[in-house]
């Protein structure tokens, strides 16, 4: 378990850096499967907004779970949380919902990514509402669920090559991974959120 958090941080930062470099310095869709390229090139604004938002979520999200940061720099924790929810979940979720309507893979993929975007936005809003009420325990649970959904950007890039190595053609693997990249994450985030935390309340001045 000691390696779990550092692994999440490294994977999150690695995928965020990969996406920002790839889409920031190269033509859109260059690294995509040929079947997806034309579709993504036609939705450049939505694609860039989603890449930006999801990258912000992966860059800011992992630090929200650092006990050391919360204890030593509560103001930094709050500002990172605001940036995570607004730029990461807000921009990434809304653009992700838009891009879901244009997802390659037909209705199964569009539903998979669309439900993911809705769950991502809803859990972020519930996390924000909980901390505004001062309910730290509930805020923690929703943030764990929310970041587990953010981490779908990582699990998708791990699972898709494995499915194709297993012999599934891309036209089958991609719609399948549109669900597999986040359903196990959602379950894991929910389970983790049920575990007791060290601190269940906070003074009013520490609220978002």
C-alpha atoms as a PDB file:
ATOM      1  CA  UNK A   1       0.000   0.000   0.000  1.00  0.00           C
ATOM      2  CA  UNK A   2       2.962   2.337   0.531  1.00  0.00           C
ATOM      3  CA  UNK A   3       3.527   2.374  -3.222  1.00  0.00           C
ATOM      4  CA  UNK A   4      -0.113   3.006  -4.111  1.00  0.00           C
ATOM      5  CA  UNK A   5      -0.164   6.799  -3.651  1.00  0.00           C
ATOM      6  CA  UNK A   6       3.228   7.468  -5.331  1.00  0.00           C
ATOM      7  CA  UNK A   7       2.130   5.257  -8.227  1.00  0.00           C
ATOM      8  CA  UNK A   8      -1.106   7.225  -8.626  1.00  0.00           C
ATOM      9  CA  UNK A   9       0.851  10.502  -8.593  1.00  0.00           C
ATOM     10  CA  UNK A  10       3.402   9.309 -11.149  1.00  0.00           C
ATOM     11  CA  UNK A  11       0.794   7.825 -13.484  1.00  0.00           C
ATOM     12  CA  UNK A  12      -1.404  10.923 -13.244  1.00  0.00           C
ATOM     13  CA  UNK A  13       1.435  13.333 -13.941  1.00  0.00           C
ATOM     14  CA  UNK A  14       2.799  11.117 -16.701  1.00  0.00           C
ATOM     15  CA  UNK A  15      -0.496  10.879 -18.591  1.00  0.00           C
ATOM     16  CA  UNK A  16      -1.155  14.622 -18.126  1.00  0.00           C
ATOM     17  CA  UNK A  17       2.307  15.496 -19.485  1.00  0.00           C
ATOM     18  CA  UNK A  18       1.874  13.056 -22.373  1.00  0.00           C
ATOM     19  CA  UNK A  19      -1.485  14.585 -23.342  1.00  0.00           C
ATOM     20  CA  UNK A  20      -0.323  18.194 -23.038  1.00  0.00           C
ATOM     21  CA  UNK A  21       2.784  17.590 -25.129  1.00  0.00           C
ATOM     22  CA  UNK A  22       1.006  15.460 -27.721  1.00  0.00           C
ATOM     23  CA  UNK A  23      -1.937  17.800 -28.279  1.00  0.00           C
ATOM     24  CA  UNK A  24      -0.018  21.000 -27.615  1.00  0.00           C
ATOM     25  CA  UNK A  25       2.804  20.468 -30.093  1.00  0.00           C
ATOM     26  CA  UNK A  26       1.477  18.003 -32.660  1.00  0.00           C
ATOM     27  CA  UNK A  27      -1.531  17.916 -35.010  1.00  0.00           C
ATOM     28  CA  UNK A  28      -4.760  16.710 -33.351  1.00  0.00           C
ATOM     29  CA  UNK A  29      -5.366  13.024 -33.774  1.00  0.00           C
ATOM     30  CA  UNK A  30      -1.794  12.228 -34.805  1.00  0.00           C
ATOM     31  CA  UNK A  31      -1.418   9.472 -32.199  1.00  0.00           C
ATOM     32  CA  UNK A  32      -4.975   8.200 -32.549  1.00  0.00           C
ATOM     33  CA  UNK A  33      -6.188   5.118 -34.340  1.00  0.00           C
ATOM     34  CA  UNK A  34      -6.946   5.948 -38.008  1.00  0.00           C
ATOM     35  CA  UNK A  35     -10.619   5.121 -37.455  1.00  0.00           C
ATOM     36  CA  UNK A  36     -10.847   7.915 -34.868  1.00  0.00           C
ATOM     37  CA  UNK A  37      -8.643  10.561 -36.462  1.00  0.00           C
ATOM     38  CA  UNK A  38     -11.124  12.266 -38.777  1.00  0.00           C
ATOM     39  CA  UNK A  39     -13.752  12.424 -36.046  1.00  0.00           C
ATOM     40  CA  UNK A  40     -11.397  14.110 -33.582  1.00  0.00           C
ATOM     41  CA  UNK A  41     -10.027  16.513 -36.188  1.00  0.00           C
ATOM     42  CA  UNK A  42     -13.593  17.690 -36.817  1.00  0.00           C
ATOM     43  CA  UNK A  43     -14.090  18.444 -33.101  1.00  0.00           C
ATOM     44  CA  UNK A  44     -10.896  20.349 -32.354  1.00  0.00           C
ATOM     45  CA  UNK A  45     -12.308  22.839 -29.847  1.00  0.00           C
ATOM     46  CA  UNK A  46     -14.067  20.165 -27.817  1.00  0.00           C
ATOM     47  CA  UNK A  47     -11.005  17.946 -27.992  1.00  0.00           C
ATOM     48  CA  UNK A  48      -8.586  20.638 -26.817  1.00  0.00           C
ATOM     49  CA  UNK A  49     -10.896  21.712 -23.993  1.00  0.00           C
ATOM     50  CA  UNK A  50     -11.223  18.118 -22.838  1.00  0.00           C
ATOM     51  CA  UNK A  51      -7.477  17.509 -22.983  1.00  0.00           C
ATOM     52  CA  UNK A  52      -6.844  20.720 -21.037  1.00  0.00           C
ATOM     53  CA  UNK A  53      -9.487  19.957 -18.404  1.00  0.00           C
ATOM     54  CA  UNK A  54      -8.569  16.310 -17.923  1.00  0.00           C
ATOM     55  CA  UNK A  55      -4.881  17.216 -17.706  1.00  0.00           C
ATOM     56  CA  UNK A  56      -5.642  19.807 -15.015  1.00  0.00           C
ATOM     57  CA  UNK A  57      -7.566  17.167 -13.080  1.00  0.00           C
ATOM     58  CA  UNK A  58      -4.601  14.772 -13.238  1.00  0.00           C
ATOM     59  CA  UNK A  59      -2.099  17.510 -12.357  1.00  0.00           C
ATOM     60  CA  UNK A  60      -4.004  18.951  -9.385  1.00  0.00           C
ATOM     61  CA  UNK A  61      -6.039  16.006  -8.138  1.00  0.00           C
ATOM     62  CA  UNK A  62      -3.449  13.722  -6.517  1.00  0.00           C
ATOM     63  CA  UNK A  63      -2.180  16.461  -4.172  1.00  0.00           C
ATOM     64  CA  UNK A  64      -5.633  16.813  -2.613  1.00  0.00           C
ATOM     65  CA  UNK A  65      -5.044  13.505  -0.840  1.00  0.00           C
ATOM     66  CA  UNK A  66      -1.691  14.433   0.688  1.00  0.00           C
ATOM     67  CA  UNK A  67      -2.150  14.619   4.467  1.00  0.00           C
ATOM     68  CA  UNK A  68       1.115  16.495   4.789  1.00  0.00           C
ATOM     69  CA  UNK A  69      -0.038  19.219   2.394  1.00  0.00           C
ATOM     70  CA  UNK A  70      -3.437  19.542   4.079  1.00  0.00           C
ATOM     71  CA  UNK A  71      -1.805  19.892   7.499  1.00  0.00           C
ATOM     72  CA  UNK A  72       1.076  22.197   6.565  1.00  0.00           C
ATOM     73  CA  UNK A  73      -0.492  24.269   3.767  1.00  0.00           C
ATOM     74  CA  UNK A  74      -4.300  24.283   4.114  1.00  0.00           C
ATOM     75  CA  UNK A  75      -4.606  27.359   1.880  1.00  0.00           C
ATOM     76  CA  UNK A  76      -2.691  25.589  -0.902  1.00  0.00           C
ATOM     77  CA  UNK A  77      -4.977  22.579  -0.454  1.00  0.00           C
ATOM     78  CA  UNK A  78      -8.051  24.783  -0.867  1.00  0.00           C
ATOM     79  CA  UNK A  79      -6.777  26.629  -3.935  1.00  0.00           C
ATOM     80  CA  UNK A  80      -5.663  23.414  -5.609  1.00  0.00           C
ATOM     81  CA  UNK A  81      -9.091  21.979  -4.849  1.00  0.00           C
ATOM     82  CA  UNK A  82     -10.816  24.928  -6.478  1.00  0.00           C
ATOM     83  CA  UNK A  83      -8.592  24.670  -9.551  1.00  0.00           C
ATOM     84  CA  UNK A  84      -9.200  20.929  -9.692  1.00  0.00           C
ATOM     85  CA  UNK A  85     -12.977  21.249  -9.542  1.00  0.00           C
ATOM     86  CA  UNK A  86     -13.308  24.281 -11.811  1.00  0.00           C
ATOM     87  CA  UNK A  87     -10.663  23.702 -14.488  1.00  0.00           C
ATOM     88  CA  UNK A  88     -10.326  19.952 -14.202  1.00  0.00           C
ATOM     89  CA  UNK A  89     -13.774  18.559 -13.491  1.00  0.00           C
ATOM     90  CA  UNK A  90     -15.802  21.522 -14.755  1.00  0.00           C
ATOM     91  CA  UNK A  91     -14.050  22.115 -18.070  1.00  0.00           C
ATOM     92  CA  UNK A  92     -13.032  18.480 -18.526  1.00  0.00           C
ATOM     93  CA  UNK A  93     -16.457  17.118 -17.647  1.00  0.00           C
ATOM     94  CA  UNK A  94     -18.505  19.469 -19.797  1.00  0.00           C
ATOM     95  CA  UNK A  95     -16.236  19.057 -22.808  1.00  0.00           C
ATOM     96  CA  UNK A  96     -16.112  15.307 -22.154  1.00  0.00           C
ATOM     97  CA  UNK A  97     -19.889  15.181 -22.250  1.00  0.00           C
ATOM     98  CA  UNK A  98     -19.855  17.037 -25.562  1.00  0.00           C
ATOM     99  CA  UNK A  99     -17.162  14.753 -26.996  1.00  0.00           C
ATOM    100  CA  UNK A 100     -19.114  11.694 -25.864  1.00  0.00           C
ATOM    101  CA  UNK A 101     -21.756  12.510 -28.477  1.00  0.00           C
ATOM    102  CA  UNK A 102     -19.041  12.192 -31.126  1.00  0.00           C
ATOM    103  CA  UNK A 103     -17.180   9.218 -29.680  1.00  0.00           C
ATOM    104  CA  UNK A 104     -15.954   6.501 -32.000  1.00  0.00           C
ATOM    105  CA  UNK A 105     -17.584   3.147 -31.381  1.00  0.00           C
ATOM    106  CA  UNK A 106     -21.247   3.910 -31.821  1.00  0.00           C
ATOM    107  CA  UNK A 107     -23.899   4.007 -29.118  1.00  0.00           C
ATOM    108  CA  UNK A 108     -22.070   1.781 -26.563  1.00  0.00           C
ATOM    109  CA  UNK A 109     -19.017   4.061 -26.530  1.00  0.00           C
ATOM    110  CA  UNK A 110     -21.108   7.236 -26.514  1.00  0.00           C
ATOM    111  CA  UNK A 111     -23.124   5.968 -23.567  1.00  0.00           C
ATOM    112  CA  UNK A 112     -20.006   4.803 -21.738  1.00  0.00           C
ATOM    113  CA  UNK A 113     -18.184   8.115 -22.017  1.00  0.00           C
ATOM    114  CA  UNK A 114     -21.381  10.124 -21.559  1.00  0.00           C
ATOM    115  CA  UNK A 115     -22.284   8.425 -18.275  1.00  0.00           C
ATOM    116  CA  UNK A 116     -18.680   8.828 -17.129  1.00  0.00           C
ATOM    117  CA  UNK A 117     -18.833  12.595 -17.788  1.00  0.00           C
ATOM    118  CA  UNK A 118     -22.140  12.923 -15.932  1.00  0.00           C
ATOM    119  CA  UNK A 119     -20.852  10.956 -12.931  1.00  0.00           C
ATOM    120  CA  UNK A 120     -17.658  13.014 -12.933  1.00  0.00           C
ATOM    121  CA  UNK A 121     -19.558  16.311 -12.923  1.00  0.00           C
ATOM    122  CA  UNK A 122     -22.137  15.145 -10.364  1.00  0.00           C
ATOM    123  CA  UNK A 123     -19.593  13.791  -7.870  1.00  0.00           C
ATOM    124  CA  UNK A 124     -17.532  16.986  -8.176  1.00  0.00           C
ATOM    125  CA  UNK A 125     -20.584  19.112  -7.431  1.00  0.00           C
ATOM    126  CA  UNK A 126     -21.517  16.927  -4.449  1.00  0.00           C
ATOM    127  CA  UNK A 127     -17.953  17.156  -3.104  1.00  0.00           C
ATOM    128  CA  UNK A 128     -18.094  20.947  -3.371  1.00  0.00           C
ATOM    129  CA  UNK A 129     -21.496  21.146  -1.683  1.00  0.00           C
ATOM    130  CA  UNK A 130     -20.308  18.933   1.165  1.00  0.00           C
ATOM    131  CA  UNK A 131     -17.269  21.089   1.954  1.00  0.00           C
ATOM    132  CA  UNK A 132     -19.330  24.268   1.764  1.00  0.00           C
ATOM    133  CA  UNK A 133     -21.512  22.779   4.512  1.00  0.00           C
ATOM    134  CA  UNK A 134     -18.401  21.848   6.504  1.00  0.00           C
ATOM    135  CA  UNK A 135     -19.030  18.105   6.133  1.00  0.00           C
ATOM    136  CA  UNK A 136     -15.436  16.981   5.673  1.00  0.00           C
ATOM    137  CA  UNK A 137     -16.188  13.259   5.875  1.00  0.00           C
ATOM    138  CA  UNK A 138     -18.723  13.441   3.051  1.00  0.00           C
ATOM    139  CA  UNK A 139     -16.467  15.773   1.066  1.00  0.00           C
ATOM    140  CA  UNK A 140     -13.651  13.240   1.377  1.00  0.00           C
ATOM    141  CA  UNK A 141     -15.877  10.412   0.131  1.00  0.00           C
ATOM    142  CA  UNK A 142     -17.077  12.330  -2.903  1.00  0.00           C
ATOM    143  CA  UNK A 143     -13.577  13.552  -3.727  1.00  0.00           C
ATOM    144  CA  UNK A 144     -12.241   9.998  -3.647  1.00  0.00           C
ATOM    145  CA  UNK A 145     -15.004   8.918  -6.005  1.00  0.00           C
ATOM    146  CA  UNK A 146     -14.443  11.951  -8.200  1.00  0.00           C
ATOM    147  CA  UNK A 147     -10.708  11.484  -8.543  1.00  0.00           C
ATOM    148  CA  UNK A 148     -11.212   7.765  -9.194  1.00  0.00           C
ATOM    149  CA  UNK A 149     -13.269   8.888 -12.190  1.00  0.00           C
ATOM    150  CA  UNK A 150     -10.567  11.386 -13.194  1.00  0.00           C
ATOM    151  CA  UNK A 151      -8.136   8.480 -13.147  1.00  0.00           C
ATOM    152  CA  UNK A 152     -10.136   6.880 -15.974  1.00  0.00           C
ATOM    153  CA  UNK A 153      -7.843   8.866 -18.286  1.00  0.00           C
ATOM    154  CA  UNK A 154      -5.004   6.692 -16.988  1.00  0.00           C
ATOM    155  CA  UNK A 155      -6.789   3.346 -16.859  1.00  0.00           C
ATOM    156  CA  UNK A 156      -8.085   3.799 -20.408  1.00  0.00           C
ATOM    157  CA  UNK A 157      -4.497   4.089 -21.663  1.00  0.00           C
ATOM    158  CA  UNK A 158      -3.494   1.007 -19.712  1.00  0.00           C
ATOM    159  CA  UNK A 159      -6.472  -1.167 -20.611  1.00  0.00           C
ATOM    160  CA  UNK A 160      -6.876  -0.416 -24.313  1.00  0.00           C
ATOM    161  CA  UNK A 161      -3.443  -1.788 -25.358  1.00  0.00           C
ATOM    162  CA  UNK A 162      -3.995  -4.841 -23.148  1.00  0.00           C
ATOM    163  CA  UNK A 163      -7.360  -5.575 -24.765  1.00  0.00           C
ATOM    164  CA  UNK A 164      -5.818  -5.307 -28.212  1.00  0.00           C
ATOM    165  CA  UNK A 165      -2.872  -7.490 -27.195  1.00  0.00           C
ATOM    166  CA  UNK A 166      -5.452 -10.030 -26.043  1.00  0.00           C
ATOM    167  CA  UNK A 167      -6.694 -10.187 -29.633  1.00  0.00           C
ATOM    168  CA  UNK A 168      -9.707  -7.889 -29.595  1.00  0.00           C
ATOM    169  CA  UNK A 169     -10.003  -5.668 -32.685  1.00  0.00           C
ATOM    170  CA  UNK A 170     -10.020  -1.949 -32.024  1.00  0.00           C
ATOM    171  CA  UNK A 171     -13.677  -1.586 -33.075  1.00  0.00           C
ATOM    172  CA  UNK A 172     -14.619  -3.896 -30.185  1.00  0.00           C
ATOM    173  CA  UNK A 173     -11.944  -2.935 -27.668  1.00  0.00           C
ATOM    174  CA  UNK A 174     -12.694   0.788 -27.733  1.00  0.00           C
ATOM    175  CA  UNK A 175     -16.429   0.604 -26.907  1.00  0.00           C
ATOM    176  CA  UNK A 176     -15.590  -1.958 -24.232  1.00  0.00           C
ATOM    177  CA  UNK A 177     -12.941   0.247 -22.643  1.00  0.00           C
ATOM    178  CA  UNK A 178     -15.362   3.188 -22.597  1.00  0.00           C
ATOM    179  CA  UNK A 179     -16.974   1.353 -19.658  1.00  0.00           C
ATOM    180  CA  UNK A 180     -14.035  -0.612 -18.282  1.00  0.00           C
ATOM    181  CA  UNK A 181     -11.881   2.503 -17.832  1.00  0.00           C
ATOM    182  CA  UNK A 182     -14.166   3.911 -15.128  1.00  0.00           C
ATOM    183  CA  UNK A 183     -16.609   1.374 -13.671  1.00  0.00           C
ATOM    184  CA  UNK A 184     -13.913  -0.459 -11.616  1.00  0.00           C
ATOM    185  CA  UNK A 185     -12.502   2.953 -10.611  1.00  0.00           C
ATOM    186  CA  UNK A 186     -15.934   4.046  -9.408  1.00  0.00           C
ATOM    187  CA  UNK A 187     -16.287   0.907  -7.304  1.00  0.00           C
ATOM    188  CA  UNK A 188     -12.795   1.327  -5.858  1.00  0.00           C
ATOM    189  CA  UNK A 189     -13.361   5.010  -5.050  1.00  0.00           C
ATOM    190  CA  UNK A 190     -16.655   4.186  -3.340  1.00  0.00           C
ATOM    191  CA  UNK A 191     -15.016   1.425  -1.285  1.00  0.00           C
ATOM    192  CA  UNK A 192     -12.100   3.646  -0.338  1.00  0.00           C
ATOM    193  CA  UNK A 193     -14.469   6.405   0.672  1.00  0.00           C
ATOM    194  CA  UNK A 194     -16.173   4.063   3.146  1.00  0.00           C
ATOM    195  CA  UNK A 195     -12.940   3.622   5.091  1.00  0.00           C
ATOM    196  CA  UNK A 196     -12.568   5.796   8.196  1.00  0.00           C
ATOM    197  CA  UNK A 197     -10.459   8.925   7.877  1.00  0.00           C
ATOM    198  CA  UNK A 198      -8.244  10.437  10.520  1.00  0.00           C
ATOM    199  CA  UNK A 199     -10.086  13.777  10.598  1.00  0.00           C
ATOM    200  CA  UNK A 200     -13.818  14.079  10.111  1.00  0.00           C
ATOM    201  CA  UNK A 201     -14.351  17.773  10.782  1.00  0.00           C
ATOM    202  CA  UNK A 202     -12.632  21.083  10.245  1.00  0.00           C
ATOM    203  CA  UNK A 203     -13.045  24.646  11.514  1.00  0.00           C
ATOM    204  CA  UNK A 204     -15.242  26.967   9.493  1.00  0.00           C
ATOM    205  CA  UNK A 205     -12.291  29.132   8.423  1.00  0.00           C
ATOM    206  CA  UNK A 206     -10.793  26.112   6.602  1.00  0.00           C
ATOM    207  CA  UNK A 207     -13.770  25.555   4.348  1.00  0.00           C
ATOM    208  CA  UNK A 208     -13.563  26.107   0.598  1.00  0.00           C
END
